[in-house]
Amino acid sequence: MEIIAWAFLGGIVGAVLMDVTETYAAKVGITSGVNIALVGRWFLGLLRGQFVHTNILNSRPFPHEVKMGWAFHFLVGGGGVALIYPLFFQATGQPLPSNHLLGGLLFGLATSLLPWFILFPSFGWGFFGRGGPQGSNALLASTLSHIPYGLGVGAVITMGLGVYSTAK
């Protein structure tokens, strides 16, 4: 069960790596159009029963949406989503990969499906974020940022399980 804790922590580390990647990608003109205030606005809307926006950029802002956006991003989008990695193997009975870095990389790429098919359409931007803000490339930007996310998950699991097994 320790892999669950390492995966959650890895998801938080992965979310930080995702943010760093998005910052550098934006400097060369690759952006999804998503910012932390919009994530918070969407999350607070969810809590009020609004899953989909016509265009979230035109939706009424909420107080504290930036703080709630960060909380959602790290705890749910980072740590919570990373739990899918070990739970998939437990649910299917498949053995854990021997190489969590490769497994994490593939997992990170697979998590690109979440913004493509849930977040962007919920923002009112359509599948793959094609209707996002002018000049954004949501498909490319989200794919690029999910690679380091997955590597963060894999690296923390690798280090955590290595330390844990050595300490036994």
N, C-alpha and C. Protein backbone atom coordinates (compact mmCIF):
# COMPACT_ATOMS: atom_id res chain seq x y z
N MET A 1 0.81 -1.21 0.00
CA MET A 1 0.00 0.00 0.00
C MET A 1 0.84 1.27 0.00
N GLU A 2 2.14 1.17 0.31
CA GLU A 2 2.98 2.37 0.35
C GLU A 2 3.07 3.03 -1.01
N ILE A 3 2.85 2.26 -2.09
CA ILE A 3 2.91 2.86 -3.42
C ILE A 3 1.83 3.92 -3.60
N ILE A 4 0.72 3.80 -2.90
CA ILE A 4 -0.36 4.80 -2.99
C ILE A 4 0.16 6.15 -2.48
N ALA A 5 0.82 6.12 -1.32
CA ALA A 5 1.36 7.37 -0.75
C ALA A 5 2.43 7.96 -1.66
N TRP A 6 3.31 7.10 -2.19
CA TRP A 6 4.36 7.61 -3.08
C TRP A 6 3.77 8.17 -4.37
N ALA A 7 2.73 7.54 -4.88
CA ALA A 7 2.09 8.04 -6.09
C ALA A 7 1.46 9.41 -5.85
N PHE A 8 0.78 9.58 -4.70
CA PHE A 8 0.17 10.86 -4.39
C PHE A 8 1.24 11.95 -4.30
N LEU A 9 2.31 11.67 -3.57
CA LEU A 9 3.41 12.63 -3.46
C LEU A 9 4.03 12.89 -4.83
N GLY A 10 4.18 11.82 -5.62
CA GLY A 10 4.72 11.98 -6.97
C GLY A 10 3.84 12.85 -7.84
N GLY A 11 2.54 12.76 -7.65
CA GLY A 11 1.63 13.61 -8.41
C GLY A 11 1.80 15.08 -8.07
N ILE A 12 2.06 15.36 -6.81
CA ILE A 12 2.30 16.76 -6.41
C ILE A 12 3.62 17.25 -7.01
N VAL A 13 4.66 16.42 -6.91
CA VAL A 13 5.94 16.78 -7.53
C VAL A 13 5.75 16.94 -9.04
N GLY A 14 5.02 16.02 -9.65
CA GLY A 14 4.75 16.11 -11.08
C GLY A 14 4.01 17.38 -11.46
N ALA A 15 3.08 17.81 -10.61
CA ALA A 15 2.35 19.06 -10.87
C ALA A 15 3.29 20.26 -10.86
N VAL A 16 4.27 20.24 -9.96
CA VAL A 16 5.28 21.32 -9.94
C VAL A 16 6.08 21.29 -11.24
N LEU A 17 6.52 20.10 -11.65
CA LEU A 17 7.28 19.99 -12.90
C LEU A 17 6.44 20.42 -14.09
N MET A 18 5.15 20.12 -14.04
CA MET A 18 4.22 20.56 -15.09
C MET A 18 4.19 22.09 -15.17
N ASP A 19 4.11 22.73 -14.01
CA ASP A 19 4.06 24.19 -13.97
C ASP A 19 5.34 24.81 -14.52
N VAL A 20 6.49 24.23 -14.17
CA VAL A 20 7.77 24.73 -14.67
C VAL A 20 7.81 24.60 -16.19
N THR A 21 7.38 23.45 -16.69
CA THR A 21 7.35 23.22 -18.13
C THR A 21 6.44 24.21 -18.83
N GLU A 22 5.25 24.43 -18.26
CA GLU A 22 4.30 25.38 -18.87
C GLU A 22 4.87 26.79 -18.89
N THR A 23 5.60 27.17 -17.86
CA THR A 23 6.21 28.50 -17.80
C THR A 23 7.22 28.67 -18.94
N TYR A 24 8.09 27.68 -19.11
CA TYR A 24 9.09 27.77 -20.17
C TYR A 24 8.46 27.64 -21.56
N ALA A 25 7.47 26.79 -21.70
CA ALA A 25 6.79 26.65 -22.99
C ALA A 25 6.11 27.97 -23.39
N ALA A 26 5.51 28.65 -22.42
CA ALA A 26 4.85 29.93 -22.71
C ALA A 26 5.86 30.97 -23.20
N LYS A 27 7.09 30.90 -22.71
CA LYS A 27 8.12 31.86 -23.14
C LYS A 27 8.48 31.69 -24.61
N VAL A 28 8.22 30.50 -25.16
CA VAL A 28 8.48 30.29 -26.59
C VAL A 28 7.18 30.24 -27.38
N GLY A 29 6.10 30.66 -26.75
CA GLY A 29 4.83 30.81 -27.45
C GLY A 29 3.92 29.59 -27.46
N ILE A 30 4.22 28.60 -26.63
CA ILE A 30 3.35 27.41 -26.57
C ILE A 30 2.54 27.48 -25.28
N THR A 31 1.26 27.77 -25.41
CA THR A 31 0.40 27.89 -24.24
C THR A 31 -0.95 27.23 -24.51
N SER A 32 -1.53 26.72 -23.44
CA SER A 32 -2.85 26.09 -23.56
C SER A 32 -3.98 27.10 -23.41
N GLY A 33 -3.65 28.27 -22.88
CA GLY A 33 -4.68 29.27 -22.59
C GLY A 33 -5.25 29.14 -21.19
N VAL A 34 -4.89 28.05 -20.52
CA VAL A 34 -5.38 27.80 -19.15
C VAL A 34 -4.50 28.55 -18.17
N ASN A 35 -5.11 29.18 -17.17
CA ASN A 35 -4.35 29.73 -16.06
C ASN A 35 -5.00 29.28 -14.76
N ILE A 36 -4.32 29.47 -13.67
CA ILE A 36 -4.76 28.92 -12.39
C ILE A 36 -6.08 29.53 -11.93
N ALA A 37 -6.35 30.77 -12.29
CA ALA A 37 -7.63 31.39 -11.93
C ALA A 37 -8.78 30.67 -12.65
N LEU A 38 -8.56 30.29 -13.90
CA LEU A 38 -9.61 29.57 -14.63
C LEU A 38 -9.85 28.18 -14.05
N VAL A 39 -8.79 27.53 -13.60
CA VAL A 39 -8.94 26.22 -12.94
C VAL A 39 -9.77 26.40 -11.67
N GLY A 40 -9.46 27.43 -10.89
CA GLY A 40 -10.23 27.71 -9.68
C GLY A 40 -11.67 28.06 -9.98
N ARG A 41 -11.90 28.83 -11.01
CA ARG A 41 -13.26 29.21 -11.42
C ARG A 41 -14.06 27.96 -11.81
N TRP A 42 -13.41 27.06 -12.56
CA TRP A 42 -14.07 25.83 -12.96
C TRP A 42 -14.38 24.97 -11.74
N PHE A 43 -13.41 24.81 -10.85
CA PHE A 43 -13.62 24.00 -9.66
C PHE A 43 -14.73 24.57 -8.78
N LEU A 44 -14.71 25.87 -8.55
CA LEU A 44 -15.77 26.49 -7.73
C LEU A 44 -17.12 26.39 -8.43
N GLY A 45 -17.13 26.43 -9.74
CA GLY A 45 -18.36 26.21 -10.48
C GLY A 45 -18.87 24.79 -10.30
N LEU A 46 -17.95 23.82 -10.31
CA LEU A 46 -18.33 22.43 -10.07
C LEU A 46 -19.03 22.28 -8.72
N LEU A 47 -18.48 22.94 -7.72
CA LEU A 47 -19.07 22.86 -6.38
C LEU A 47 -20.47 23.46 -6.34
N ARG A 48 -20.78 24.31 -7.31
CA ARG A 48 -22.10 24.93 -7.40
C ARG A 48 -22.98 24.27 -8.47
N GLY A 49 -22.51 23.15 -9.01
CA GLY A 49 -23.31 22.40 -9.98
C GLY A 49 -23.11 22.77 -11.43
N GLN A 50 -22.16 23.64 -11.74
CA GLN A 50 -21.92 24.03 -13.13
C GLN A 50 -20.68 23.29 -13.63
N PHE A 51 -20.90 22.29 -14.46
CA PHE A 51 -19.79 21.51 -15.00
C PHE A 51 -19.23 22.13 -16.28
N VAL A 52 -20.09 22.69 -17.11
CA VAL A 52 -19.69 23.21 -18.42
C VAL A 52 -19.96 24.71 -18.49
N HIS A 53 -19.04 25.43 -19.09
CA HIS A 53 -19.17 26.86 -19.34
C HIS A 53 -19.29 27.06 -20.86
N THR A 54 -19.99 28.09 -21.26
CA THR A 54 -20.04 28.44 -22.68
C THR A 54 -18.63 28.84 -23.12
N ASN A 55 -18.01 29.73 -22.38
CA ASN A 55 -16.59 30.06 -22.48
C ASN A 55 -16.19 30.57 -21.11
N ILE A 56 -15.35 29.83 -20.43
CA ILE A 56 -15.01 30.16 -19.05
C ILE A 56 -14.38 31.54 -18.92
N LEU A 57 -13.77 32.04 -19.99
CA LEU A 57 -13.20 33.39 -19.95
C LEU A 57 -14.27 34.44 -19.71
N ASN A 58 -15.51 34.14 -20.12
CA ASN A 58 -16.61 35.08 -19.94
C ASN A 58 -17.46 34.79 -18.71
N SER A 59 -17.13 33.74 -17.98
CA SER A 59 -17.88 33.40 -16.76
C SER A 59 -17.48 34.33 -15.62
N ARG A 60 -18.44 34.55 -14.74
CA ARG A 60 -18.21 35.44 -13.61
C ARG A 60 -17.10 34.88 -12.71
N PRO A 61 -16.10 35.71 -12.37
CA PRO A 61 -15.05 35.26 -11.44
C PRO A 61 -15.63 35.04 -10.04
N PHE A 62 -14.98 34.15 -9.29
CA PHE A 62 -15.35 33.88 -7.91
C PHE A 62 -14.27 34.45 -6.99
N PRO A 63 -14.68 34.85 -5.78
CA PRO A 63 -13.65 35.22 -4.80
C PRO A 63 -12.76 34.00 -4.51
N HIS A 64 -11.50 34.22 -4.36
CA HIS A 64 -10.52 33.18 -3.99
C HIS A 64 -10.33 32.10 -5.06
N GLU A 65 -10.67 32.41 -6.30
CA GLU A 65 -10.55 31.38 -7.34
C GLU A 65 -9.09 30.99 -7.59
N VAL A 66 -8.16 31.91 -7.40
CA VAL A 66 -6.75 31.57 -7.61
C VAL A 66 -6.29 30.58 -6.53
N LYS A 67 -6.62 30.84 -5.26
CA LYS A 67 -6.24 29.93 -4.18
C LYS A 67 -6.89 28.56 -4.39
N MET A 68 -8.14 28.54 -4.77
CA MET A 68 -8.83 27.27 -5.00
C MET A 68 -8.27 26.56 -6.23
N GLY A 69 -7.84 27.34 -7.21
CA GLY A 69 -7.22 26.74 -8.39
C GLY A 69 -5.93 26.02 -8.05
N TRP A 70 -5.10 26.66 -7.21
CA TRP A 70 -3.86 26.01 -6.78
C TRP A 70 -4.16 24.75 -5.98
N ALA A 71 -5.10 24.83 -5.06
CA ALA A 71 -5.45 23.66 -4.23
C ALA A 71 -5.94 22.52 -5.12
N PHE A 72 -6.83 22.82 -6.05
CA PHE A 72 -7.34 21.78 -6.95
C PHE A 72 -6.22 21.21 -7.80
N HIS A 73 -5.40 22.08 -8.35
CA HIS A 73 -4.31 21.66 -9.24
C HIS A 73 -3.38 20.66 -8.54
N PHE A 74 -2.97 20.97 -7.33
CA PHE A 74 -2.00 20.10 -6.65
C PHE A 74 -2.65 18.89 -6.00
N LEU A 75 -3.74 19.07 -5.30
CA LEU A 75 -4.33 17.97 -4.53
C LEU A 75 -5.14 17.00 -5.39
N VAL A 76 -5.94 17.54 -6.30
CA VAL A 76 -6.79 16.67 -7.13
C VAL A 76 -6.10 16.38 -8.46
N GLY A 77 -5.75 17.42 -9.19
CA GLY A 77 -5.14 17.23 -10.50
C GLY A 77 -3.76 16.60 -10.43
N GLY A 78 -3.01 16.90 -9.38
CA GLY A 78 -1.67 16.30 -9.22
C GLY A 78 -1.72 15.00 -8.45
N GLY A 79 -1.88 15.11 -7.14
CA GLY A 79 -1.85 13.92 -6.28
C GLY A 79 -2.97 12.95 -6.55
N GLY A 80 -4.20 13.44 -6.67
CA GLY A 80 -5.35 12.55 -6.85
C GLY A 80 -5.29 11.77 -8.14
N VAL A 81 -4.96 12.43 -9.23
CA VAL A 81 -4.89 11.75 -10.53
C VAL A 81 -3.76 10.71 -10.52
N ALA A 82 -2.67 11.00 -9.83
CA ALA A 82 -1.55 10.06 -9.78
C ALA A 82 -1.93 8.74 -9.13
N LEU A 83 -2.98 8.72 -8.32
CA LEU A 83 -3.42 7.48 -7.69
C LEU A 83 -3.92 6.47 -8.72
N ILE A 84 -4.31 6.96 -9.89
CA ILE A 84 -4.76 6.07 -10.96
C ILE A 84 -3.64 5.10 -11.35
N TYR A 85 -2.40 5.58 -11.30
CA TYR A 85 -1.25 4.76 -11.72
C TYR A 85 -1.18 3.45 -10.92
N PRO A 86 -1.04 3.46 -9.60
CA PRO A 86 -0.98 2.18 -8.89
C PRO A 86 -2.33 1.45 -8.84
N LEU A 87 -3.42 2.21 -8.78
CA LEU A 87 -4.73 1.56 -8.69
C LEU A 87 -5.08 0.79 -9.96
N PHE A 88 -4.57 1.26 -11.10
CA PHE A 88 -4.78 0.53 -12.35
C PHE A 88 -4.17 -0.87 -12.25
N PHE A 89 -2.95 -0.96 -11.75
CA PHE A 89 -2.28 -2.25 -11.65
C PHE A 89 -2.96 -3.14 -10.60
N GLN A 90 -3.40 -2.54 -9.51
CA GLN A 90 -4.10 -3.32 -8.49
C GLN A 90 -5.43 -3.84 -9.02
N ALA A 91 -6.16 -3.00 -9.73
CA ALA A 91 -7.49 -3.39 -10.22
C ALA A 91 -7.41 -4.45 -11.31
N THR A 92 -6.37 -4.38 -12.15
CA THR A 92 -6.28 -5.31 -13.26
C THR A 92 -5.48 -6.57 -12.91
N GLY A 93 -4.79 -6.54 -11.77
CA GLY A 93 -3.96 -7.68 -11.40
C GLY A 93 -2.66 -7.74 -12.17
N GLN A 94 -2.39 -6.73 -12.97
CA GLN A 94 -1.14 -6.67 -13.71
C GLN A 94 0.01 -6.37 -12.75
N PRO A 95 1.17 -6.92 -13.00
CA PRO A 95 2.32 -6.59 -12.13
C PRO A 95 2.75 -5.14 -12.35
N LEU A 96 3.25 -4.53 -11.30
CA LEU A 96 3.79 -3.18 -11.44
C LEU A 96 4.97 -3.21 -12.40
N PRO A 97 5.16 -2.16 -13.16
CA PRO A 97 6.31 -2.14 -14.07
C PRO A 97 7.61 -2.17 -13.28
N SER A 98 8.62 -2.76 -13.85
CA SER A 98 9.93 -2.76 -13.19
C SER A 98 10.60 -1.40 -13.33
N ASN A 99 10.19 -0.64 -14.33
CA ASN A 99 10.76 0.68 -14.56
C ASN A 99 9.65 1.72 -14.40
N HIS A 100 9.59 2.36 -13.24
CA HIS A 100 8.52 3.34 -13.00
C HIS A 100 8.76 4.65 -13.77
N LEU A 101 9.99 4.92 -14.18
CA LEU A 101 10.20 6.12 -14.99
C LEU A 101 9.52 5.97 -16.34
N LEU A 102 9.69 4.83 -16.97
CA LEU A 102 9.01 4.59 -18.24
C LEU A 102 7.50 4.50 -18.01
N GLY A 103 7.09 3.78 -16.97
CA GLY A 103 5.67 3.69 -16.64
C GLY A 103 5.07 5.06 -16.36
N GLY A 104 5.82 5.90 -15.64
CA GLY A 104 5.36 7.26 -15.34
C GLY A 104 5.25 8.10 -16.60
N LEU A 105 6.24 7.97 -17.49
CA LEU A 105 6.20 8.71 -18.75
C LEU A 105 4.95 8.34 -19.54
N LEU A 106 4.69 7.05 -19.67
CA LEU A 106 3.50 6.60 -20.40
C LEU A 106 2.23 7.04 -19.70
N PHE A 107 2.24 7.00 -18.37
CA PHE A 107 1.09 7.46 -17.59
C PHE A 107 0.87 8.95 -17.82
N GLY A 108 1.94 9.73 -17.80
CA GLY A 108 1.82 11.16 -18.04
C GLY A 108 1.22 11.46 -19.40
N LEU A 109 1.66 10.73 -20.42
CA LEU A 109 1.08 10.92 -21.75
C LEU A 109 -0.40 10.55 -21.75
N ALA A 110 -0.75 9.48 -21.05
CA ALA A 110 -2.15 9.06 -20.98
C ALA A 110 -3.01 10.11 -20.26
N THR A 111 -2.43 10.79 -19.28
CA THR A 111 -3.22 11.80 -18.56
C THR A 111 -3.50 13.03 -19.41
N SER A 112 -2.86 13.13 -20.57
CA SER A 112 -3.20 14.22 -21.50
C SER A 112 -4.65 14.12 -21.95
N LEU A 113 -5.21 12.94 -21.85
CA LEU A 113 -6.62 12.75 -22.21
C LEU A 113 -7.55 13.57 -21.31
N LEU A 114 -7.15 13.79 -20.07
CA LEU A 114 -8.02 14.52 -19.12
C LEU A 114 -8.30 15.95 -19.57
N PRO A 115 -7.29 16.75 -19.90
CA PRO A 115 -7.64 18.08 -20.41
C PRO A 115 -8.31 18.03 -21.78
N TRP A 116 -7.86 17.13 -22.64
CA TRP A 116 -8.42 17.08 -23.99
C TRP A 116 -9.92 16.80 -23.99
N PHE A 117 -10.34 15.87 -23.12
CA PHE A 117 -11.73 15.40 -23.17
C PHE A 117 -12.59 15.82 -21.98
N ILE A 118 -11.99 16.41 -20.96
CA ILE A 118 -12.79 16.86 -19.81
C ILE A 118 -12.61 18.36 -19.58
N LEU A 119 -11.37 18.80 -19.30
CA LEU A 119 -11.15 20.19 -18.92
C LEU A 119 -11.49 21.17 -20.04
N PHE A 120 -10.90 20.99 -21.21
CA PHE A 120 -11.14 21.94 -22.31
C PHE A 120 -12.60 22.00 -22.72
N PRO A 121 -13.27 20.86 -22.92
CA PRO A 121 -14.70 20.95 -23.24
C PRO A 121 -15.51 21.61 -22.11
N SER A 122 -15.13 21.36 -20.87
CA SER A 122 -15.84 21.98 -19.74
C SER A 122 -15.62 23.49 -19.70
N PHE A 123 -14.49 23.92 -20.19
CA PHE A 123 -14.20 25.36 -20.28
C PHE A 123 -14.99 26.00 -21.43
N GLY A 124 -15.60 25.18 -22.28
CA GLY A 124 -16.30 25.69 -23.45
C GLY A 124 -15.41 25.81 -24.66
N TRP A 125 -14.25 25.15 -24.62
CA TRP A 125 -13.27 25.27 -25.69
C TRP A 125 -13.26 24.07 -26.62
N GLY A 126 -14.14 23.10 -26.39
CA GLY A 126 -14.22 21.93 -27.25
C GLY A 126 -13.14 20.90 -26.98
N PHE A 127 -13.27 19.77 -27.66
CA PHE A 127 -12.27 18.71 -27.52
C PHE A 127 -10.92 19.20 -28.02
N PHE A 128 -9.88 18.82 -27.31
CA PHE A 128 -8.50 19.19 -27.60
C PHE A 128 -8.25 20.70 -27.45
N GLY A 129 -9.23 21.45 -26.92
CA GLY A 129 -9.06 22.89 -26.71
C GLY A 129 -9.00 23.69 -27.98
N ARG A 130 -9.61 23.16 -29.06
CA ARG A 130 -9.54 23.85 -30.37
C ARG A 130 -10.20 25.22 -30.36
N GLY A 131 -11.16 25.44 -29.45
CA GLY A 131 -11.83 26.74 -29.39
C GLY A 131 -11.28 27.62 -28.28
N GLY A 132 -10.06 27.34 -27.86
CA GLY A 132 -9.43 28.11 -26.78
C GLY A 132 -9.05 29.51 -27.23
N PRO A 133 -8.42 30.25 -26.34
CA PRO A 133 -8.04 31.63 -26.66
C PRO A 133 -7.16 31.74 -27.90
N GLN A 134 -7.28 32.85 -28.58
CA GLN A 134 -6.49 33.15 -29.77
C GLN A 134 -5.01 32.96 -29.47
N GLY A 135 -4.31 32.23 -30.32
CA GLY A 135 -2.86 32.05 -30.17
C GLY A 135 -2.47 30.87 -29.28
N SER A 136 -3.44 30.23 -28.68
CA SER A 136 -3.10 29.09 -27.82
C SER A 136 -3.04 27.81 -28.66
N ASN A 137 -2.28 26.86 -28.17
CA ASN A 137 -2.20 25.54 -28.77
C ASN A 137 -2.37 24.55 -27.62
N ALA A 138 -3.63 24.37 -27.22
CA ALA A 138 -3.94 23.58 -26.03
C ALA A 138 -3.49 22.13 -26.19
N LEU A 139 -3.63 21.57 -27.36
CA LEU A 139 -3.26 20.18 -27.58
C LEU A 139 -1.76 19.97 -27.35
N LEU A 140 -0.94 20.77 -27.98
CA LEU A 140 0.51 20.65 -27.84
C LEU A 140 0.95 21.00 -26.42
N ALA A 141 0.47 22.12 -25.91
CA ALA A 141 0.90 22.58 -24.58
C ALA A 141 0.54 21.57 -23.49
N SER A 142 -0.66 21.03 -23.53
CA SER A 142 -1.06 20.08 -22.49
C SER A 142 -0.29 18.78 -22.61
N THR A 143 0.00 18.35 -23.82
CA THR A 143 0.79 17.13 -24.00
C THR A 143 2.20 17.33 -23.46
N LEU A 144 2.82 18.44 -23.82
CA LEU A 144 4.18 18.72 -23.33
C LEU A 144 4.24 18.79 -21.80
N SER A 145 3.24 19.39 -21.19
CA SER A 145 3.28 19.55 -19.72
C SER A 145 2.97 18.26 -18.98
N HIS A 146 2.28 17.32 -19.62
CA HIS A 146 1.97 16.06 -18.95
C HIS A 146 3.13 15.06 -18.97
N ILE A 147 4.11 15.28 -19.82
CA ILE A 147 5.29 14.42 -19.84
C ILE A 147 6.07 14.56 -18.53
N PRO A 148 6.46 15.76 -18.12
CA PRO A 148 7.17 15.87 -16.84
C PRO A 148 6.30 15.51 -15.64
N TYR A 149 4.99 15.69 -15.77
CA TYR A 149 4.09 15.26 -14.70
C TYR A 149 4.26 13.75 -14.48
N GLY A 150 4.16 12.98 -15.54
CA GLY A 150 4.31 11.53 -15.42
C GLY A 150 5.69 11.12 -14.96
N LEU A 151 6.72 11.82 -15.44
CA LEU A 151 8.07 11.50 -14.99
C LEU A 151 8.23 11.79 -13.49
N GLY A 152 7.58 12.85 -13.02
CA GLY A 152 7.61 13.14 -11.58
C GLY A 152 6.96 12.03 -10.78
N VAL A 153 5.82 11.55 -11.25
CA VAL A 153 5.14 10.44 -10.58
C VAL A 153 6.06 9.22 -10.55
N GLY A 154 6.62 8.87 -11.70
CA GLY A 154 7.49 7.70 -11.78
C GLY A 154 8.75 7.83 -10.94
N ALA A 155 9.36 9.01 -10.95
CA ALA A 155 10.60 9.21 -10.20
C ALA A 155 10.37 9.11 -8.69
N VAL A 156 9.30 9.71 -8.21
CA VAL A 156 9.04 9.65 -6.77
C VAL A 156 8.68 8.23 -6.34
N ILE A 157 7.91 7.53 -7.14
CA ILE A 157 7.60 6.13 -6.81
C ILE A 157 8.89 5.31 -6.79
N THR A 158 9.74 5.50 -7.79
CA THR A 158 11.00 4.76 -7.85
C THR A 158 11.85 5.04 -6.62
N MET A 159 12.02 6.31 -6.28
CA MET A 159 12.83 6.67 -5.11
C MET A 159 12.18 6.20 -3.82
N GLY A 160 10.87 6.40 -3.72
CA GLY A 160 10.15 6.02 -2.50
C GLY A 160 10.18 4.54 -2.24
N LEU A 161 9.91 3.75 -3.26
CA LEU A 161 9.92 2.30 -3.08
C LEU A 161 11.33 1.80 -2.86
N GLY A 162 12.31 2.45 -3.48
CA GLY A 162 13.72 2.07 -3.26
C GLY A 162 14.15 2.33 -1.84
N VAL A 163 13.79 3.49 -1.30
CA VAL A 163 14.12 3.83 0.08
C VAL A 163 13.37 2.92 1.02
N TYR A 164 12.10 2.68 0.72
CA TYR A 164 11.26 1.86 1.59
C TYR A 164 11.79 0.43 1.65
N SER A 165 12.13 -0.13 0.47
CA SER A 165 12.59 -1.52 0.47
C SER A 165 13.97 -1.65 1.10
N THR A 166 14.80 -0.60 1.01
CA THR A 166 16.12 -0.63 1.62
C THR A 166 16.00 -0.55 3.13
N ALA A 167 15.01 0.19 3.62
CA ALA A 167 14.83 0.39 5.07
C ALA A 167 14.25 -0.82 5.77
N LYS A 168 13.70 -1.76 5.03
CA LYS A 168 13.04 -2.92 5.65
C LYS A 168 14.02 -3.80 6.37
